[in-house]
């Protein structure tokens, strides 16, 4: 990960970490649905805090089962993206842009404007349908009782979790080794009256 994309434990004392600190990844990005953010956060906690990589894999399987069996509330599947320019100025077709245009045709007074964030869900459709064609307003979706397309959520989640676990599987030993080296230095610093914050990045 780059300098602005990391997850690690923040330490200011020797006995235990203060918190799990993340920046620039899926747990804090607003353009991911809550289901993906919460799932990634659960994986990070199990790997970094509990040091249980196999347990994180089972956790992800359980979350996917919840999604496929309809036990995830639609509010967890809402994605939001910012409308940064007029709809007509976009060169490519994107889900939130198409939905903004659709909402203007329905009711211009309440449609998203430039600068607004556009919430949407991806509905179940034909396998040849484009993602942007299946975007719908969560409120309209609830009223119409459409079926949310979970395949899109799973595809995005699979990529995110796969990349993270592949990276962690290689680096977990390295992280623990860093802890072993840094912890004595932290203790010495505290004894001297100096508390430093240590982030372990990967």
N, C-alpha and C. Protein backbone atom coordinates (compact mmCIF):
# COMPACT_ATOMS: atom_id res chain seq x y z
N UNK A 1 0.83 -1.19 0.00
CA UNK A 1 0.00 0.00 0.00
C UNK A 1 0.88 1.25 0.00
N UNK A 2 0.35 2.37 -0.52
CA UNK A 2 1.08 3.61 -0.54
C UNK A 2 1.09 4.26 0.83
N UNK A 3 1.69 5.44 0.87
CA UNK A 3 1.82 6.13 2.14
C UNK A 3 0.47 6.48 2.75
N UNK A 4 -0.53 6.73 1.90
CA UNK A 4 -1.84 7.14 2.40
C UNK A 4 -2.84 5.99 2.41
N UNK A 5 -2.37 4.77 2.25
CA UNK A 5 -3.24 3.60 2.31
C UNK A 5 -2.60 2.58 3.25
N UNK A 6 -3.14 2.47 4.45
CA UNK A 6 -2.56 1.54 5.41
C UNK A 6 -3.59 1.13 6.44
N UNK A 7 -3.27 0.07 7.17
CA UNK A 7 -4.03 -0.35 8.34
C UNK A 7 -3.02 -0.90 9.33
N UNK A 8 -3.17 -0.55 10.58
CA UNK A 8 -2.23 -1.03 11.59
C UNK A 8 -2.71 -0.70 12.98
N UNK A 9 -1.99 -1.21 13.95
CA UNK A 9 -2.33 -0.94 15.35
C UNK A 9 -1.55 0.27 15.83
N UNK A 10 -2.25 1.19 16.48
CA UNK A 10 -1.63 2.39 17.03
C UNK A 10 -1.28 2.13 18.50
N UNK A 11 0.01 2.28 18.80
CA UNK A 11 0.51 2.00 20.16
C UNK A 11 1.05 3.28 20.79
N UNK A 12 0.65 3.57 22.04
CA UNK A 12 1.28 4.63 22.83
C UNK A 12 1.73 4.10 24.19
N UNK A 13 1.54 2.80 24.40
CA UNK A 13 1.98 2.17 25.65
C UNK A 13 2.32 0.71 25.37
N UNK A 14 3.02 0.11 26.31
CA UNK A 14 3.56 -1.22 26.06
C UNK A 14 2.57 -2.35 26.29
N UNK A 15 1.56 -2.13 27.14
CA UNK A 15 0.69 -3.24 27.53
C UNK A 15 -0.35 -3.62 26.49
N UNK A 16 -0.85 -2.64 25.74
CA UNK A 16 -1.85 -2.95 24.71
C UNK A 16 -1.95 -1.79 23.73
N UNK A 17 -2.49 -2.09 22.55
CA UNK A 17 -2.63 -1.05 21.53
C UNK A 17 -3.82 -0.15 21.85
N UNK A 18 -3.78 1.06 21.32
CA UNK A 18 -4.86 2.01 21.55
C UNK A 18 -6.05 1.76 20.63
N UNK A 19 -5.75 1.54 19.35
CA UNK A 19 -6.84 1.32 18.40
C UNK A 19 -6.28 0.73 17.12
N UNK A 20 -7.21 0.26 16.29
CA UNK A 20 -6.87 -0.19 14.94
C UNK A 20 -7.02 1.03 14.03
N UNK A 21 -5.93 1.49 13.49
CA UNK A 21 -5.92 2.72 12.71
C UNK A 21 -5.89 2.40 11.22
N UNK A 22 -6.79 3.00 10.45
CA UNK A 22 -6.85 2.76 9.01
C UNK A 22 -6.93 4.09 8.27
N UNK A 23 -6.41 4.08 7.06
CA UNK A 23 -6.49 5.28 6.24
C UNK A 23 -6.45 4.90 4.76
N UNK A 24 -7.38 5.47 4.00
CA UNK A 24 -7.37 5.32 2.56
C UNK A 24 -7.80 3.97 2.02
N UNK A 25 -8.30 3.07 2.89
CA UNK A 25 -8.71 1.75 2.42
C UNK A 25 -10.23 1.62 2.52
N UNK A 26 -10.73 0.44 2.19
CA UNK A 26 -12.17 0.24 2.03
C UNK A 26 -12.98 0.52 3.31
N UNK A 27 -12.38 0.41 4.47
CA UNK A 27 -13.13 0.63 5.71
C UNK A 27 -13.50 2.08 5.91
N UNK A 28 -12.80 3.00 5.24
CA UNK A 28 -13.08 4.42 5.43
C UNK A 28 -13.53 5.12 4.15
N UNK A 29 -13.42 4.47 3.03
CA UNK A 29 -13.84 5.09 1.76
C UNK A 29 -15.36 5.14 1.68
N UNK A 30 -15.89 6.30 1.31
CA UNK A 30 -17.34 6.48 1.28
C UNK A 30 -17.99 5.86 0.05
N UNK A 31 -17.19 5.51 -0.97
CA UNK A 31 -17.78 4.96 -2.18
C UNK A 31 -17.86 3.43 -2.15
N UNK A 32 -17.80 2.85 -0.96
CA UNK A 32 -18.06 1.42 -0.77
C UNK A 32 -19.29 1.27 0.10
N UNK A 33 -20.06 0.22 -0.13
CA UNK A 33 -21.25 0.01 0.69
C UNK A 33 -20.83 -0.42 2.10
N UNK A 34 -21.73 -0.23 3.06
CA UNK A 34 -21.44 -0.54 4.46
C UNK A 34 -21.11 -2.01 4.64
N UNK A 35 -21.74 -2.88 3.84
CA UNK A 35 -21.47 -4.31 3.95
C UNK A 35 -20.00 -4.60 3.68
N UNK A 36 -19.45 -3.99 2.62
CA UNK A 36 -18.03 -4.18 2.29
C UNK A 36 -17.14 -3.57 3.35
N UNK A 37 -17.47 -2.35 3.80
CA UNK A 37 -16.64 -1.68 4.81
C UNK A 37 -16.60 -2.48 6.11
N UNK A 38 -17.78 -2.93 6.56
CA UNK A 38 -17.85 -3.67 7.82
C UNK A 38 -17.15 -5.02 7.73
N UNK A 39 -17.27 -5.66 6.56
CA UNK A 39 -16.63 -6.96 6.38
C UNK A 39 -15.10 -6.82 6.40
N UNK A 40 -14.59 -5.82 5.69
CA UNK A 40 -13.15 -5.59 5.67
C UNK A 40 -12.66 -5.24 7.08
N UNK A 41 -13.42 -4.44 7.82
CA UNK A 41 -13.04 -4.09 9.19
C UNK A 41 -12.97 -5.34 10.05
N UNK A 42 -13.91 -6.26 9.86
CA UNK A 42 -13.90 -7.52 10.61
C UNK A 42 -12.68 -8.36 10.29
N UNK A 43 -12.29 -8.37 9.02
CA UNK A 43 -11.10 -9.12 8.61
C UNK A 43 -9.85 -8.53 9.25
N UNK A 44 -9.73 -7.21 9.21
CA UNK A 44 -8.56 -6.55 9.79
C UNK A 44 -8.46 -6.81 11.29
N UNK A 45 -9.58 -6.77 11.98
CA UNK A 45 -9.57 -7.01 13.43
C UNK A 45 -9.08 -8.43 13.73
N UNK A 46 -9.58 -9.40 12.96
CA UNK A 46 -9.19 -10.79 13.21
C UNK A 46 -7.72 -11.04 12.87
N UNK A 47 -7.22 -10.37 11.83
CA UNK A 47 -5.83 -10.60 11.44
C UNK A 47 -4.85 -9.82 12.32
N UNK A 48 -5.12 -8.53 12.53
CA UNK A 48 -4.16 -7.70 13.24
C UNK A 48 -4.29 -7.76 14.77
N UNK A 49 -5.52 -7.82 15.26
CA UNK A 49 -5.73 -7.82 16.71
C UNK A 49 -5.72 -9.25 17.26
N UNK A 50 -6.53 -10.12 16.67
CA UNK A 50 -6.63 -11.50 17.15
C UNK A 50 -5.54 -12.40 16.54
N UNK A 51 -4.90 -11.94 15.47
CA UNK A 51 -3.86 -12.70 14.78
C UNK A 51 -4.38 -14.07 14.32
N UNK A 52 -5.58 -14.04 13.77
CA UNK A 52 -6.25 -15.28 13.38
C UNK A 52 -6.62 -15.19 11.89
N UNK A 53 -5.66 -15.49 11.02
CA UNK A 53 -5.90 -15.43 9.58
C UNK A 53 -6.95 -16.46 9.14
N UNK A 54 -6.86 -17.73 9.57
CA UNK A 54 -7.90 -18.70 9.18
C UNK A 54 -9.29 -18.26 9.66
N UNK A 55 -9.35 -17.67 10.85
CA UNK A 55 -10.63 -17.19 11.36
C UNK A 55 -11.21 -16.08 10.51
N UNK A 56 -10.34 -15.25 9.92
CA UNK A 56 -10.82 -14.17 9.06
C UNK A 56 -11.44 -14.74 7.79
N UNK A 57 -10.89 -15.84 7.29
CA UNK A 57 -11.43 -16.49 6.09
C UNK A 57 -12.83 -17.04 6.39
N UNK A 58 -13.00 -17.69 7.54
CA UNK A 58 -14.30 -18.22 7.92
C UNK A 58 -15.31 -17.09 8.14
N UNK A 59 -14.83 -15.98 8.67
CA UNK A 59 -15.70 -14.81 8.88
C UNK A 59 -16.24 -14.30 7.55
N UNK A 60 -15.38 -14.21 6.54
CA UNK A 60 -15.81 -13.75 5.23
C UNK A 60 -16.82 -14.71 4.62
N UNK A 61 -16.58 -16.01 4.78
CA UNK A 61 -17.53 -17.00 4.26
C UNK A 61 -18.90 -16.82 4.91
N UNK A 62 -18.91 -16.55 6.20
CA UNK A 62 -20.17 -16.34 6.91
C UNK A 62 -20.89 -15.11 6.42
N UNK A 63 -20.13 -14.05 6.17
CA UNK A 63 -20.74 -12.80 5.68
C UNK A 63 -21.34 -13.01 4.29
N UNK A 64 -20.64 -13.75 3.44
CA UNK A 64 -21.15 -14.02 2.10
C UNK A 64 -22.44 -14.85 2.17
N UNK A 65 -22.46 -15.81 3.10
CA UNK A 65 -23.67 -16.63 3.27
C UNK A 65 -24.85 -15.75 3.69
N UNK A 66 -24.60 -14.80 4.59
CA UNK A 66 -25.66 -13.89 5.02
C UNK A 66 -26.21 -13.10 3.83
N UNK A 67 -25.30 -12.67 2.96
CA UNK A 67 -25.72 -11.88 1.80
C UNK A 67 -26.54 -12.71 0.83
N UNK A 68 -26.07 -13.93 0.56
CA UNK A 68 -26.76 -14.78 -0.42
C UNK A 68 -28.10 -15.30 0.07
N UNK A 69 -28.28 -15.38 1.38
CA UNK A 69 -29.54 -15.89 1.93
C UNK A 69 -30.48 -14.77 2.35
N UNK A 70 -30.17 -13.54 1.94
CA UNK A 70 -31.09 -12.42 2.17
C UNK A 70 -31.14 -11.91 3.59
N UNK A 71 -30.09 -12.14 4.37
CA UNK A 71 -30.08 -11.68 5.76
C UNK A 71 -29.33 -10.37 5.97
N UNK A 72 -29.00 -9.71 4.86
CA UNK A 72 -28.34 -8.40 4.94
C UNK A 72 -29.34 -7.32 4.57
N UNK A 73 -29.50 -6.33 5.44
CA UNK A 73 -30.45 -5.25 5.18
C UNK A 73 -29.98 -4.42 3.99
N UNK A 74 -30.94 -3.92 3.23
CA UNK A 74 -30.60 -3.16 2.04
C UNK A 74 -29.78 -1.92 2.36
N UNK A 75 -29.94 -1.39 3.57
CA UNK A 75 -29.17 -0.20 3.94
C UNK A 75 -27.67 -0.46 3.92
N UNK A 76 -27.27 -1.73 4.09
CA UNK A 76 -25.85 -2.08 4.06
C UNK A 76 -25.30 -2.22 2.64
N UNK A 77 -26.20 -2.19 1.65
CA UNK A 77 -25.79 -2.38 0.26
C UNK A 77 -25.81 -1.09 -0.55
N UNK A 78 -26.09 0.02 0.12
CA UNK A 78 -26.16 1.31 -0.57
C UNK A 78 -24.75 1.84 -0.82
N UNK A 79 -24.49 2.23 -2.05
CA UNK A 79 -23.22 2.85 -2.45
C UNK A 79 -23.49 4.33 -2.71
N UNK A 80 -22.56 5.19 -2.36
CA UNK A 80 -22.72 6.61 -2.67
C UNK A 80 -21.49 7.13 -3.40
N UNK A 81 -21.74 7.94 -4.42
CA UNK A 81 -20.65 8.58 -5.16
C UNK A 81 -21.02 10.02 -5.46
N UNK A 82 -20.02 10.87 -5.50
CA UNK A 82 -20.26 12.29 -5.71
C UNK A 82 -20.49 12.63 -7.18
N UNK A 83 -21.43 13.55 -7.39
CA UNK A 83 -21.69 14.06 -8.73
C UNK A 83 -20.83 15.32 -8.89
N UNK A 84 -19.71 15.21 -9.56
CA UNK A 84 -18.71 16.28 -9.60
C UNK A 84 -18.92 17.27 -10.74
N UNK A 85 -19.78 16.93 -11.69
CA UNK A 85 -20.07 17.84 -12.81
C UNK A 85 -21.47 17.55 -13.33
N UNK A 86 -21.91 18.34 -14.28
CA UNK A 86 -23.22 18.10 -14.87
C UNK A 86 -23.24 16.74 -15.56
N UNK A 87 -24.38 16.11 -15.54
CA UNK A 87 -24.53 14.77 -16.12
C UNK A 87 -24.06 14.75 -17.57
N UNK A 88 -24.39 15.78 -18.33
CA UNK A 88 -24.04 15.83 -19.75
C UNK A 88 -22.54 15.96 -19.99
N UNK A 89 -21.77 16.30 -18.95
CA UNK A 89 -20.34 16.52 -19.11
C UNK A 89 -19.50 15.26 -18.86
N UNK A 90 -20.13 14.18 -18.41
CA UNK A 90 -19.40 12.94 -18.17
C UNK A 90 -19.11 12.23 -19.50
N UNK A 91 -17.86 11.84 -19.68
CA UNK A 91 -17.47 11.17 -20.93
C UNK A 91 -17.86 9.70 -20.92
N UNK A 92 -17.89 9.09 -19.73
CA UNK A 92 -18.25 7.67 -19.62
C UNK A 92 -19.54 7.52 -18.82
N UNK A 93 -20.18 6.41 -19.00
CA UNK A 93 -21.44 6.16 -18.31
C UNK A 93 -21.16 5.44 -16.99
N UNK A 94 -21.57 6.04 -15.90
CA UNK A 94 -21.35 5.48 -14.56
C UNK A 94 -22.70 5.35 -13.85
N UNK A 95 -22.76 4.44 -12.89
CA UNK A 95 -24.02 4.13 -12.22
C UNK A 95 -24.65 5.36 -11.58
N UNK A 96 -23.87 6.12 -10.81
CA UNK A 96 -24.45 7.26 -10.11
C UNK A 96 -24.86 8.38 -11.07
N UNK A 97 -24.16 8.49 -12.19
CA UNK A 97 -24.49 9.52 -13.19
C UNK A 97 -25.79 9.15 -13.90
N UNK A 98 -25.91 7.89 -14.29
CA UNK A 98 -27.13 7.44 -14.96
C UNK A 98 -28.35 7.58 -14.04
N UNK A 99 -28.15 7.28 -12.76
CA UNK A 99 -29.26 7.40 -11.82
C UNK A 99 -29.65 8.86 -11.62
N UNK A 100 -28.66 9.75 -11.57
CA UNK A 100 -28.96 11.18 -11.44
C UNK A 100 -29.82 11.65 -12.61
N UNK A 101 -29.47 11.20 -13.81
CA UNK A 101 -30.25 11.57 -14.99
C UNK A 101 -31.65 10.97 -14.92
N UNK A 102 -31.73 9.75 -14.47
CA UNK A 102 -33.02 9.07 -14.33
C UNK A 102 -33.92 9.81 -13.34
N UNK A 103 -33.33 10.24 -12.22
CA UNK A 103 -34.11 10.94 -11.20
C UNK A 103 -34.55 12.32 -11.69
N UNK A 104 -33.76 12.95 -12.54
CA UNK A 104 -34.17 14.25 -13.10
C UNK A 104 -35.38 14.08 -14.01
N UNK A 105 -35.42 12.97 -14.73
CA UNK A 105 -36.57 12.72 -15.60
C UNK A 105 -37.82 12.44 -14.78
N UNK A 106 -37.64 11.83 -13.61
CA UNK A 106 -38.78 11.51 -12.76
C UNK A 106 -39.30 12.74 -12.02
N UNK A 107 -38.38 13.46 -11.39
CA UNK A 107 -38.76 14.62 -10.60
C UNK A 107 -37.56 15.55 -10.47
N UNK A 108 -37.48 16.52 -11.36
CA UNK A 108 -36.31 17.39 -11.44
C UNK A 108 -36.03 18.15 -10.14
N UNK A 109 -37.07 18.50 -9.40
CA UNK A 109 -36.90 19.32 -8.20
C UNK A 109 -36.10 18.62 -7.11
N UNK A 110 -36.21 17.30 -7.03
CA UNK A 110 -35.52 16.56 -5.97
C UNK A 110 -34.31 15.77 -6.49
N UNK A 111 -33.98 15.94 -7.76
CA UNK A 111 -32.86 15.20 -8.35
C UNK A 111 -31.53 15.73 -7.82
N UNK A 112 -30.49 14.88 -7.79
CA UNK A 112 -29.17 15.32 -7.33
C UNK A 112 -28.61 16.44 -8.20
N UNK A 113 -27.87 17.35 -7.56
CA UNK A 113 -27.22 18.44 -8.26
C UNK A 113 -25.71 18.29 -8.14
N UNK A 114 -24.97 19.05 -8.90
CA UNK A 114 -23.51 19.00 -8.84
C UNK A 114 -23.06 19.28 -7.41
N UNK A 115 -22.17 18.41 -6.90
CA UNK A 115 -21.71 18.54 -5.52
C UNK A 115 -22.41 17.58 -4.57
N UNK A 116 -23.57 17.05 -4.97
CA UNK A 116 -24.29 16.09 -4.12
C UNK A 116 -23.68 14.70 -4.24
N UNK A 117 -23.87 13.91 -3.20
CA UNK A 117 -23.54 12.48 -3.27
C UNK A 117 -24.80 11.72 -3.65
N UNK A 118 -24.65 10.81 -4.58
CA UNK A 118 -25.81 10.06 -5.11
C UNK A 118 -25.81 8.65 -4.54
N UNK A 119 -26.80 8.34 -3.68
CA UNK A 119 -26.89 6.97 -3.15
C UNK A 119 -27.59 6.06 -4.15
N UNK A 120 -27.11 4.82 -4.25
CA UNK A 120 -27.77 3.89 -5.16
C UNK A 120 -27.48 2.45 -4.76
N UNK A 121 -28.34 1.55 -5.25
CA UNK A 121 -28.11 0.12 -5.13
C UNK A 121 -28.13 -0.46 -6.54
N UNK A 122 -27.50 -1.62 -6.72
CA UNK A 122 -27.49 -2.30 -8.02
C UNK A 122 -28.54 -3.40 -7.99
N UNK A 123 -29.50 -3.31 -8.90
CA UNK A 123 -30.59 -4.27 -8.94
C UNK A 123 -30.20 -5.53 -9.73
N UNK A 124 -30.94 -6.60 -9.46
CA UNK A 124 -30.73 -7.82 -10.22
C UNK A 124 -31.27 -7.62 -11.63
N UNK A 125 -30.49 -7.99 -12.62
CA UNK A 125 -30.92 -7.84 -14.01
C UNK A 125 -30.38 -8.96 -14.87
N UNK A 126 -30.57 -8.82 -16.16
CA UNK A 126 -30.06 -9.82 -17.08
C UNK A 126 -28.53 -9.80 -17.06
N UNK A 127 -27.92 -10.97 -17.29
CA UNK A 127 -26.47 -11.08 -17.18
C UNK A 127 -25.73 -10.22 -18.20
N UNK A 128 -26.42 -9.82 -19.27
CA UNK A 128 -25.78 -8.96 -20.27
C UNK A 128 -25.95 -7.47 -19.95
N UNK A 129 -26.70 -7.17 -18.92
CA UNK A 129 -26.95 -5.76 -18.57
C UNK A 129 -25.68 -5.11 -18.03
N UNK A 130 -25.51 -3.86 -18.34
CA UNK A 130 -24.39 -3.08 -17.80
C UNK A 130 -24.72 -2.66 -16.37
N UNK A 131 -23.69 -2.54 -15.55
CA UNK A 131 -23.90 -2.16 -14.15
C UNK A 131 -24.63 -0.82 -14.04
N UNK A 132 -24.24 0.14 -14.88
CA UNK A 132 -24.86 1.47 -14.78
C UNK A 132 -26.35 1.44 -15.14
N UNK A 133 -26.76 0.42 -15.89
CA UNK A 133 -28.17 0.31 -16.25
C UNK A 133 -29.02 -0.21 -15.09
N UNK A 134 -28.37 -0.82 -14.10
CA UNK A 134 -29.11 -1.45 -13.00
C UNK A 134 -29.12 -0.61 -11.72
N UNK A 135 -28.54 0.59 -11.78
CA UNK A 135 -28.50 1.44 -10.59
C UNK A 135 -29.89 2.00 -10.31
N UNK A 136 -30.26 2.01 -9.03
CA UNK A 136 -31.57 2.52 -8.64
C UNK A 136 -31.49 3.22 -7.30
N UNK A 137 -32.36 4.19 -7.10
CA UNK A 137 -32.45 4.90 -5.83
C UNK A 137 -32.91 3.91 -4.75
N UNK A 138 -32.22 3.86 -3.60
CA UNK A 138 -32.61 2.90 -2.54
C UNK A 138 -34.05 3.06 -2.09
N UNK A 139 -34.52 4.30 -2.02
CA UNK A 139 -35.91 4.54 -1.58
C UNK A 139 -36.88 4.00 -2.61
N UNK A 140 -36.64 4.31 -3.89
CA UNK A 140 -37.51 3.80 -4.95
C UNK A 140 -37.47 2.28 -5.00
N UNK A 141 -36.25 1.73 -4.74
CA UNK A 141 -36.10 0.27 -4.76
C UNK A 141 -36.95 -0.37 -3.68
N UNK A 142 -36.96 0.23 -2.50
CA UNK A 142 -37.75 -0.31 -1.39
C UNK A 142 -39.23 -0.24 -1.71
N UNK A 143 -39.65 0.89 -2.28
CA UNK A 143 -41.06 1.06 -2.60
C UNK A 143 -41.52 0.10 -3.69
N UNK A 144 -40.65 -0.14 -4.66
CA UNK A 144 -41.01 -1.02 -5.77
C UNK A 144 -40.72 -2.49 -5.47
N UNK A 145 -39.96 -2.73 -4.37
CA UNK A 145 -39.61 -4.09 -3.96
C UNK A 145 -38.84 -4.84 -5.04
N UNK A 146 -37.89 -4.13 -5.67
CA UNK A 146 -37.02 -4.77 -6.64
C UNK A 146 -36.03 -5.67 -5.90
N UNK A 147 -35.39 -6.55 -6.64
CA UNK A 147 -34.38 -7.44 -6.05
C UNK A 147 -33.00 -6.84 -6.23
N UNK A 148 -32.29 -6.66 -5.14
CA UNK A 148 -30.95 -6.10 -5.21
C UNK A 148 -30.00 -7.14 -5.79
N UNK A 149 -29.11 -6.69 -6.65
CA UNK A 149 -28.14 -7.58 -7.29
C UNK A 149 -26.95 -7.79 -6.36
N UNK A 150 -26.91 -8.94 -5.71
CA UNK A 150 -25.82 -9.20 -4.76
C UNK A 150 -24.54 -9.62 -5.47
N UNK A 151 -24.62 -10.06 -6.73
CA UNK A 151 -23.43 -10.49 -7.44
C UNK A 151 -22.41 -9.37 -7.54
N UNK A 152 -22.89 -8.14 -7.78
CA UNK A 152 -21.99 -7.00 -7.90
C UNK A 152 -21.28 -6.73 -6.58
N UNK A 153 -22.03 -6.84 -5.48
CA UNK A 153 -21.45 -6.64 -4.16
C UNK A 153 -20.39 -7.71 -3.89
N UNK A 154 -20.73 -8.94 -4.21
CA UNK A 154 -19.79 -10.04 -3.97
C UNK A 154 -18.54 -9.92 -4.83
N UNK A 155 -18.70 -9.50 -6.07
CA UNK A 155 -17.55 -9.37 -6.95
C UNK A 155 -16.57 -8.34 -6.40
N UNK A 156 -17.09 -7.19 -5.96
CA UNK A 156 -16.23 -6.15 -5.40
C UNK A 156 -15.59 -6.62 -4.11
N UNK A 157 -16.38 -7.27 -3.26
CA UNK A 157 -15.87 -7.72 -1.97
C UNK A 157 -14.79 -8.79 -2.17
N UNK A 158 -15.02 -9.68 -3.12
CA UNK A 158 -14.07 -10.77 -3.38
C UNK A 158 -12.71 -10.22 -3.76
N UNK A 159 -12.69 -9.20 -4.61
CA UNK A 159 -11.43 -8.60 -5.03
C UNK A 159 -10.72 -7.95 -3.84
N UNK A 160 -11.50 -7.19 -3.04
CA UNK A 160 -10.91 -6.48 -1.91
C UNK A 160 -10.34 -7.45 -0.87
N UNK A 161 -11.12 -8.46 -0.51
CA UNK A 161 -10.69 -9.41 0.51
C UNK A 161 -9.53 -10.26 0.01
N UNK A 162 -9.61 -10.69 -1.26
CA UNK A 162 -8.55 -11.53 -1.82
C UNK A 162 -7.21 -10.79 -1.81
N UNK A 163 -7.22 -9.53 -2.23
CA UNK A 163 -5.99 -8.74 -2.25
C UNK A 163 -5.44 -8.56 -0.84
N UNK A 164 -6.34 -8.28 0.11
CA UNK A 164 -5.91 -8.04 1.48
C UNK A 164 -5.32 -9.29 2.11
N UNK A 165 -6.02 -10.42 1.98
CA UNK A 165 -5.54 -11.65 2.60
C UNK A 165 -4.25 -12.14 1.95
N UNK A 166 -4.14 -11.94 0.63
CA UNK A 166 -2.90 -12.34 -0.05
C UNK A 166 -1.73 -11.52 0.48
N UNK A 167 -1.98 -10.24 0.70
CA UNK A 167 -0.93 -9.35 1.22
C UNK A 167 -0.60 -9.69 2.67
N UNK A 168 -1.65 -9.95 3.46
CA UNK A 168 -1.43 -10.23 4.88
C UNK A 168 -0.76 -11.58 5.09
N UNK A 169 -1.12 -12.55 4.25
CA UNK A 169 -0.55 -13.90 4.40
C UNK A 169 0.97 -13.84 4.27
N UNK A 170 1.44 -12.95 3.43
CA UNK A 170 2.88 -12.82 3.23
C UNK A 170 3.51 -12.00 4.34
N UNK A 171 2.78 -10.98 4.81
CA UNK A 171 3.41 -9.99 5.67
C UNK A 171 3.10 -10.13 7.15
N UNK A 172 2.22 -11.05 7.54
CA UNK A 172 1.87 -11.18 8.96
C UNK A 172 3.10 -11.47 9.82
N UNK A 173 3.96 -12.37 9.34
CA UNK A 173 5.18 -12.68 10.10
C UNK A 173 6.08 -11.45 10.19
N UNK A 174 6.12 -10.71 9.11
CA UNK A 174 6.94 -9.50 9.10
C UNK A 174 6.40 -8.48 10.10
N UNK A 175 5.07 -8.36 10.16
CA UNK A 175 4.45 -7.42 11.11
C UNK A 175 4.78 -7.82 12.54
N UNK A 176 4.64 -9.09 12.85
CA UNK A 176 4.92 -9.57 14.20
C UNK A 176 6.39 -9.36 14.55
N UNK A 177 7.27 -9.55 13.55
CA UNK A 177 8.70 -9.33 13.79
C UNK A 177 8.97 -7.86 14.11
N UNK A 178 8.26 -6.98 13.42
CA UNK A 178 8.41 -5.54 13.67
C UNK A 178 7.97 -5.21 15.09
N UNK A 179 6.84 -5.84 15.50
CA UNK A 179 6.38 -5.64 16.88
C UNK A 179 7.48 -6.03 17.87
N UNK A 180 8.09 -7.19 17.63
CA UNK A 180 9.10 -7.70 18.56
C UNK A 180 10.28 -6.75 18.67
N UNK A 181 10.62 -6.09 17.55
CA UNK A 181 11.74 -5.15 17.56
C UNK A 181 11.35 -3.83 18.20
N UNK A 182 10.14 -3.35 17.87
CA UNK A 182 9.74 -2.01 18.30
C UNK A 182 9.28 -1.94 19.75
N UNK A 183 8.71 -3.03 20.26
CA UNK A 183 8.14 -2.99 21.60
C UNK A 183 9.18 -2.65 22.67
N UNK A 184 10.41 -3.25 22.66
CA UNK A 184 11.40 -2.85 23.66
C UNK A 184 11.76 -1.37 23.58
N UNK A 185 11.85 -0.85 22.34
CA UNK A 185 12.14 0.56 22.18
C UNK A 185 11.03 1.43 22.75
N UNK A 186 9.79 0.98 22.58
CA UNK A 186 8.66 1.70 23.13
C UNK A 186 8.73 1.73 24.65
N UNK A 187 9.06 0.61 25.25
CA UNK A 187 9.17 0.54 26.70
C UNK A 187 10.26 1.49 27.21
N UNK A 188 11.39 1.52 26.51
CA UNK A 188 12.48 2.41 26.91
C UNK A 188 12.06 3.87 26.78
N UNK A 189 11.33 4.17 25.72
CA UNK A 189 10.87 5.54 25.52
C UNK A 189 9.92 5.96 26.63
N UNK A 190 9.04 5.05 27.03
CA UNK A 190 8.09 5.37 28.10
C UNK A 190 8.82 5.56 29.41
N UNK A 191 9.83 4.76 29.64
CA UNK A 191 10.60 4.89 30.87
C UNK A 191 11.29 6.24 30.94
N UNK A 192 11.64 6.77 29.78
CA UNK A 192 12.31 8.06 29.72
C UNK A 192 11.32 9.22 29.72
N UNK A 193 10.04 8.88 29.76
CA UNK A 193 9.02 9.92 29.79
C UNK A 193 8.59 10.39 28.42
N UNK A 194 8.97 9.65 27.39
CA UNK A 194 8.60 10.03 26.03
C UNK A 194 7.70 8.97 25.44
N UNK A 195 6.52 9.38 25.01
CA UNK A 195 5.58 8.44 24.42
C UNK A 195 5.50 8.73 22.93
N UNK A 196 5.80 7.73 22.18
CA UNK A 196 5.74 7.88 20.74
C UNK A 196 4.62 7.03 20.18
N UNK A 197 4.06 7.45 19.07
CA UNK A 197 3.03 6.67 18.39
C UNK A 197 3.70 5.84 17.31
N UNK A 198 3.36 4.56 17.31
CA UNK A 198 3.93 3.64 16.33
C UNK A 198 2.82 3.06 15.48
N UNK A 199 2.96 3.21 14.16
CA UNK A 199 2.03 2.57 13.25
C UNK A 199 2.77 1.48 12.51
N UNK A 200 2.15 0.34 12.41
CA UNK A 200 2.73 -0.74 11.61
C UNK A 200 1.95 -0.79 10.31
N UNK A 201 2.55 -0.43 9.23
CA UNK A 201 1.87 -0.35 7.95
C UNK A 201 2.19 -1.57 7.11
N UNK A 202 1.31 -1.88 6.18
CA UNK A 202 1.59 -2.94 5.23
C UNK A 202 1.06 -2.54 3.88
